Amino acid sequence: MWVPLQQGRVPDLIADRILALISSEKLHPGAKLPPERELATLLGTSRPSLREALRSLQAKGIVEIRHGAGVFVADPATTRNLREAVFAEEMSLAELFDMREVLELPAVSWAAANQDKEKLADVRKAFEALDEASARDEVDWARLQQLDAAFHLSIVRAAGNRFLSQTLTVLQDILARGMETTLQVPGRLERSREDHRKILEAVLSGQPTAARRAAAAHIRGARKAAFSRLHAEGPSA
């Protein structure tokens, strides 16, 4: 992915390389770039030239430099606005599940149709990690939530749609809010495991309609579990 630069104005070449990786989906919003020293070595350039390129990309809103943490691919402005709304809980739970349908149903269908072997291998790997964690006698709910989200996000990546890829961080936030109310509902974990298996089988076997149907049923079940739990708990004191 990272190869030495050709001739030209070095900071511009570095910026172009990073932009190309983002456009080709090899770097997604939220992805962390290699450490400065390592990245300079990979590109065969100096650290001052690298810093100049990164400052230029930061000024354009392409990357975010977090002191002490590293350099990350920034969310597009529209994505940032959506994430802020999710974090601020300005969107109702019903709206969040509606957005899951908007984002995930086309994704599973496209992933099944595209049959990108490398990305589908990642989907299978994400499923296996999730299924193993789900089957444990003592469930680590925080880790399970992360693995569950990772499975769904791997399918979005396998869809091969650049617009959908730009929504990954938004979808991750939506999944987190929904799972807070659903994963520990009695019986939901077992049903979710079966749902995930059906989604995986349909995607891997190249059946877009079946994949979309399985994902829709999964989201409906999660929605029902979420609202059942909210109604059982009643209004907050």
Protein backbone atom coordinates (compact mmCIF):
# COMPACT_ATOMS: atom_id res chain seq x y z
CA MET A 1 0.00 0.00 0.00
CA TRP A 2 2.80 2.39 0.92
CA VAL A 3 5.47 2.54 -1.81
CA PRO A 4 8.32 5.03 -2.40
CA LEU A 5 7.39 8.24 -4.21
CA GLN A 6 8.35 9.19 -7.76
CA GLN A 7 9.92 12.52 -8.76
CA GLY A 8 8.07 15.79 -8.17
CA ARG A 9 7.34 18.23 -5.33
CA VAL A 10 7.51 15.82 -2.43
CA PRO A 11 4.80 17.21 -0.09
CA ASP A 12 2.33 17.30 -2.98
CA LEU A 13 3.21 13.73 -3.95
CA ILE A 14 2.71 12.56 -0.37
CA ALA A 15 -0.68 14.27 -0.19
CA ASP A 16 -1.70 12.78 -3.53
CA ARG A 17 -0.70 9.29 -2.37
CA ILE A 18 -2.80 9.55 0.79
CA LEU A 19 -5.77 10.94 -1.16
CA ALA A 20 -5.48 8.06 -3.64
CA LEU A 21 -5.54 5.51 -0.83
CA ILE A 22 -8.65 7.13 0.64
CA SER A 23 -10.38 7.20 -2.77
CA SER A 24 -9.55 3.54 -3.39
CA GLU A 25 -10.96 2.61 0.06
CA LYS A 26 -7.63 1.32 1.33
CA LEU A 27 -7.88 4.02 4.00
CA HIS A 28 -11.26 4.60 5.61
CA PRO A 29 -12.54 7.45 7.80
CA GLY A 30 -11.11 6.93 11.26
CA ALA A 31 -8.14 4.88 10.02
CA LYS A 32 -4.83 5.67 11.67
CA LEU A 33 -1.81 6.34 9.46
CA PRO A 34 1.53 4.70 10.34
CA PRO A 35 3.72 6.63 12.82
CA GLU A 36 5.63 9.54 11.30
CA ARG A 37 9.06 7.89 11.26
CA GLU A 38 7.68 4.66 9.77
CA LEU A 39 5.55 6.45 7.16
CA ALA A 40 8.49 8.61 6.05
CA THR A 41 10.58 5.45 5.61
CA LEU A 42 7.81 3.66 3.69
CA LEU A 43 7.44 6.60 1.31
CA GLY A 44 11.18 7.14 1.01
CA THR A 45 10.89 10.77 2.04
CA SER A 46 12.01 13.10 4.82
CA ARG A 47 9.97 13.75 7.94
CA PRO A 48 9.80 17.54 7.31
CA SER A 49 8.27 16.91 3.86
CA LEU A 50 5.84 14.44 5.40
CA ARG A 51 4.82 16.94 8.09
CA GLU A 52 4.20 19.62 5.44
CA ALA A 53 1.99 17.25 3.47
CA LEU A 54 0.01 16.24 6.56
CA ARG A 55 -0.50 19.88 7.59
CA SER A 56 -1.84 20.58 4.09
CA LEU A 57 -4.23 17.65 4.29
CA GLN A 58 -5.35 18.71 7.76
CA ALA A 59 -6.12 22.23 6.50
CA LYS A 60 -8.35 20.68 3.84
CA GLY A 61 -10.14 18.51 6.37
CA ILE A 62 -8.74 15.27 4.90
CA VAL A 63 -6.81 14.11 7.95
CA GLU A 64 -6.91 14.91 11.65
CA ILE A 65 -3.68 15.28 13.61
CA ARG A 66 -4.20 14.33 17.24
CA HIS A 67 -1.16 15.23 19.30
CA GLY A 68 0.04 12.24 21.26
CA ALA A 69 -2.28 9.88 19.38
CA GLY A 70 -1.28 10.11 15.72
CA VAL A 71 -2.75 11.05 12.35
CA PHE A 72 -6.19 9.79 11.34
CA VAL A 73 -8.30 9.95 8.21
CA ALA A 74 -10.98 12.54 8.97
CA ASP A 75 -14.70 12.04 8.57
CA PRO A 76 -16.33 14.05 5.77
CA ALA A 77 -18.22 17.11 7.06
CA THR A 78 -21.63 15.50 6.50
CA THR A 79 -20.51 12.41 8.38
CA ARG A 80 -19.24 14.50 11.29
CA ASN A 81 -22.61 16.24 11.54
CA LEU A 82 -24.44 12.91 11.62
CA ARG A 83 -22.08 11.51 14.24
CA GLU A 84 -22.57 14.56 16.43
CA ALA A 85 -26.33 14.11 16.18
CA VAL A 86 -26.04 10.44 17.17
CA PHE A 87 -23.76 11.21 20.13
CA ALA A 88 -26.02 14.04 21.28
CA GLU A 89 -28.96 11.60 21.10
CA GLU A 90 -30.82 14.05 18.87
CA MET A 91 -31.98 11.07 16.81
CA SER A 92 -34.63 8.81 18.26
CA LEU A 93 -34.06 5.07 18.53
CA ALA A 94 -36.63 4.54 15.77
CA GLU A 95 -34.70 6.86 13.45
CA LEU A 96 -31.46 5.02 14.18
CA PHE A 97 -32.99 1.68 13.22
CA ASP A 98 -34.42 3.29 10.10
CA MET A 99 -30.91 4.42 9.20
CA ARG A 100 -29.58 0.90 9.74
CA GLU A 101 -32.02 -0.30 7.11
CA VAL A 102 -31.02 2.47 4.72
CA LEU A 103 -27.30 1.68 5.08
CA GLU A 104 -27.13 -2.05 5.71
CA LEU A 105 -29.73 -3.53 3.37
CA PRO A 106 -28.09 -2.26 0.17
CA ALA A 107 -24.70 -3.16 1.66
CA VAL A 108 -25.45 -6.86 2.17
CA SER A 109 -27.03 -7.06 -1.26
CA TRP A 110 -24.02 -5.47 -2.98
CA ALA A 111 -21.57 -7.54 -0.95
CA ALA A 112 -23.33 -10.72 -2.08
CA ALA A 113 -23.39 -9.55 -5.69
CA ASN A 114 -19.80 -8.29 -5.84
CA GLN A 115 -18.15 -11.39 -4.38
CA ASP A 116 -14.89 -9.62 -3.53
CA LYS A 117 -12.95 -12.62 -2.23
CA GLU A 118 -10.50 -10.66 -0.09
CA LYS A 119 -13.20 -8.61 1.62
CA LEU A 120 -15.51 -11.60 2.02
CA ALA A 121 -12.66 -13.40 3.79
CA ASP A 122 -12.66 -10.50 6.25
CA VAL A 123 -16.44 -10.89 6.67
CA ARG A 124 -16.03 -14.60 7.45
CA LYS A 125 -13.21 -13.85 9.90
CA ALA A 126 -15.33 -11.20 11.66
CA PHE A 127 -18.25 -13.62 11.90
CA GLU A 128 -16.10 -16.40 13.36
CA ALA A 129 -14.71 -14.10 16.05
CA LEU A 130 -18.22 -12.90 16.91
CA ASP A 131 -19.71 -16.38 16.95
CA GLU A 132 -16.95 -17.70 19.20
CA ALA A 133 -17.44 -14.84 21.66
CA SER A 134 -21.22 -15.34 21.59
CA ALA A 135 -20.91 -19.03 22.50
CA ARG A 136 -18.90 -18.49 25.69
CA ASP A 137 -20.45 -19.41 29.03
CA GLU A 138 -19.43 -16.06 30.47
CA VAL A 139 -20.04 -13.40 27.85
CA ASP A 140 -17.87 -10.28 27.75
CA TRP A 141 -20.64 -7.91 26.68
CA ALA A 142 -18.40 -4.96 25.85
CA ARG A 143 -16.16 -7.10 23.62
CA LEU A 144 -19.20 -8.78 22.09
CA GLN A 145 -20.62 -5.39 21.13
CA GLN A 146 -17.35 -4.48 19.40
CA LEU A 147 -17.25 -7.78 17.51
CA ASP A 148 -20.90 -7.49 16.51
CA ALA A 149 -20.28 -4.03 15.06
CA ALA A 150 -17.11 -5.27 13.34
CA PHE A 151 -19.10 -7.99 11.54
CA HIS A 152 -21.66 -5.52 10.20
CA LEU A 153 -18.99 -3.01 9.21
CA SER A 154 -17.02 -5.70 7.35
CA ILE A 155 -20.07 -6.31 5.17
CA VAL A 156 -20.33 -2.61 4.37
CA ARG A 157 -16.69 -2.65 3.27
CA ALA A 158 -17.37 -5.72 1.12
CA ALA A 159 -20.17 -3.84 -0.64
CA GLY A 160 -17.57 -1.90 -2.62
CA ASN A 161 -19.52 1.36 -2.59
CA ARG A 162 -17.43 4.43 -1.76
CA PHE A 163 -20.37 6.46 -0.46
CA LEU A 164 -21.29 3.68 1.96
CA SER A 165 -17.66 3.45 3.05
CA GLN A 166 -17.80 7.13 4.02
CA THR A 167 -20.66 6.31 6.42
CA LEU A 168 -18.79 3.61 8.34
CA THR A 169 -18.14 5.70 11.44
CA VAL A 170 -21.76 6.87 11.50
CA LEU A 171 -23.00 3.30 11.24
CA GLN A 172 -20.61 2.26 14.00
CA ASP A 173 -22.15 4.87 16.32
CA ILE A 174 -25.67 3.81 15.35
CA LEU A 175 -24.85 0.17 16.06
CA ALA A 176 -23.36 1.08 19.44
CA ARG A 177 -26.47 2.95 20.54
CA GLY A 178 -28.78 0.19 19.38
CA MET A 179 -26.78 -2.60 21.00
CA GLU A 180 -26.81 -0.82 24.34
CA THR A 181 -30.49 -1.74 24.55
CA THR A 182 -30.65 -5.09 22.73
CA LEU A 183 -27.73 -7.47 23.24
CA GLN A 184 -28.61 -8.46 26.82
CA VAL A 185 -32.35 -8.87 26.22
CA PRO A 186 -33.17 -12.52 27.15
CA GLY A 187 -33.06 -14.73 24.07
CA ARG A 188 -31.71 -11.98 21.82
CA LEU A 189 -28.12 -13.26 21.75
CA GLU A 190 -29.15 -16.70 20.49
CA ARG A 191 -31.45 -15.19 17.86
CA SER A 192 -28.76 -12.75 16.79
CA ARG A 193 -26.25 -15.60 16.33
CA GLU A 194 -28.65 -17.37 14.00
CA ASP A 195 -29.41 -14.14 12.12
CA HIS A 196 -25.72 -13.48 11.58
CA ARG A 197 -25.17 -16.99 10.27
CA LYS A 198 -27.99 -16.58 7.75
CA ILE A 199 -26.61 -13.25 6.59
CA LEU A 200 -23.12 -14.71 6.23
CA GLU A 201 -24.30 -17.74 4.26
CA ALA A 202 -26.34 -15.62 1.86
CA VAL A 203 -23.50 -13.14 1.28
CA LEU A 204 -20.83 -15.81 0.78
CA SER A 205 -23.02 -17.84 -1.58
CA GLY A 206 -23.75 -14.81 -3.77
CA GLN A 207 -27.47 -14.45 -3.06
CA PRO A 208 -28.27 -10.70 -2.87
CA THR A 209 -32.01 -11.10 -2.31
CA ALA A 210 -31.58 -13.67 0.44
CA ALA A 211 -28.87 -11.55 2.07
CA ARG A 212 -31.11 -8.49 2.06
CA ARG A 213 -34.01 -10.51 3.48
CA ALA A 214 -31.84 -11.96 6.26
CA ALA A 215 -30.44 -8.53 7.18
CA ALA A 216 -33.93 -6.99 7.21
CA ALA A 217 -35.18 -9.71 9.56
CA HIS A 218 -32.17 -9.17 11.82
CA ILE A 219 -32.74 -5.42 12.06
CA ARG A 220 -36.48 -5.92 12.69
CA GLY A 221 -35.64 -8.31 15.52
CA ALA A 222 -33.16 -5.86 17.04
CA ARG A 223 -35.71 -3.04 16.77
CA LYS A 224 -38.37 -5.14 18.48
CA ALA A 225 -35.98 -6.15 21.27
CA ALA A 226 -34.89 -2.55 21.82
CA PHE A 227 -38.41 -1.22 22.16
CA SER A 228 -39.52 -4.15 24.31
CA ARG A 229 -36.73 -3.37 26.74
CA LEU A 230 -37.51 0.35 26.77
CA HIS A 231 -41.19 -0.28 27.45
CA ALA A 232 -40.33 -2.78 30.20
CA GLU A 233 -38.04 -0.29 31.92
CA GLY A 234 -40.53 2.54 31.64
CA PRO A 235 -39.68 6.27 31.62
CA SER A 236 -36.50 7.40 33.32
CA ALA A 237 -36.88 8.86 36.81
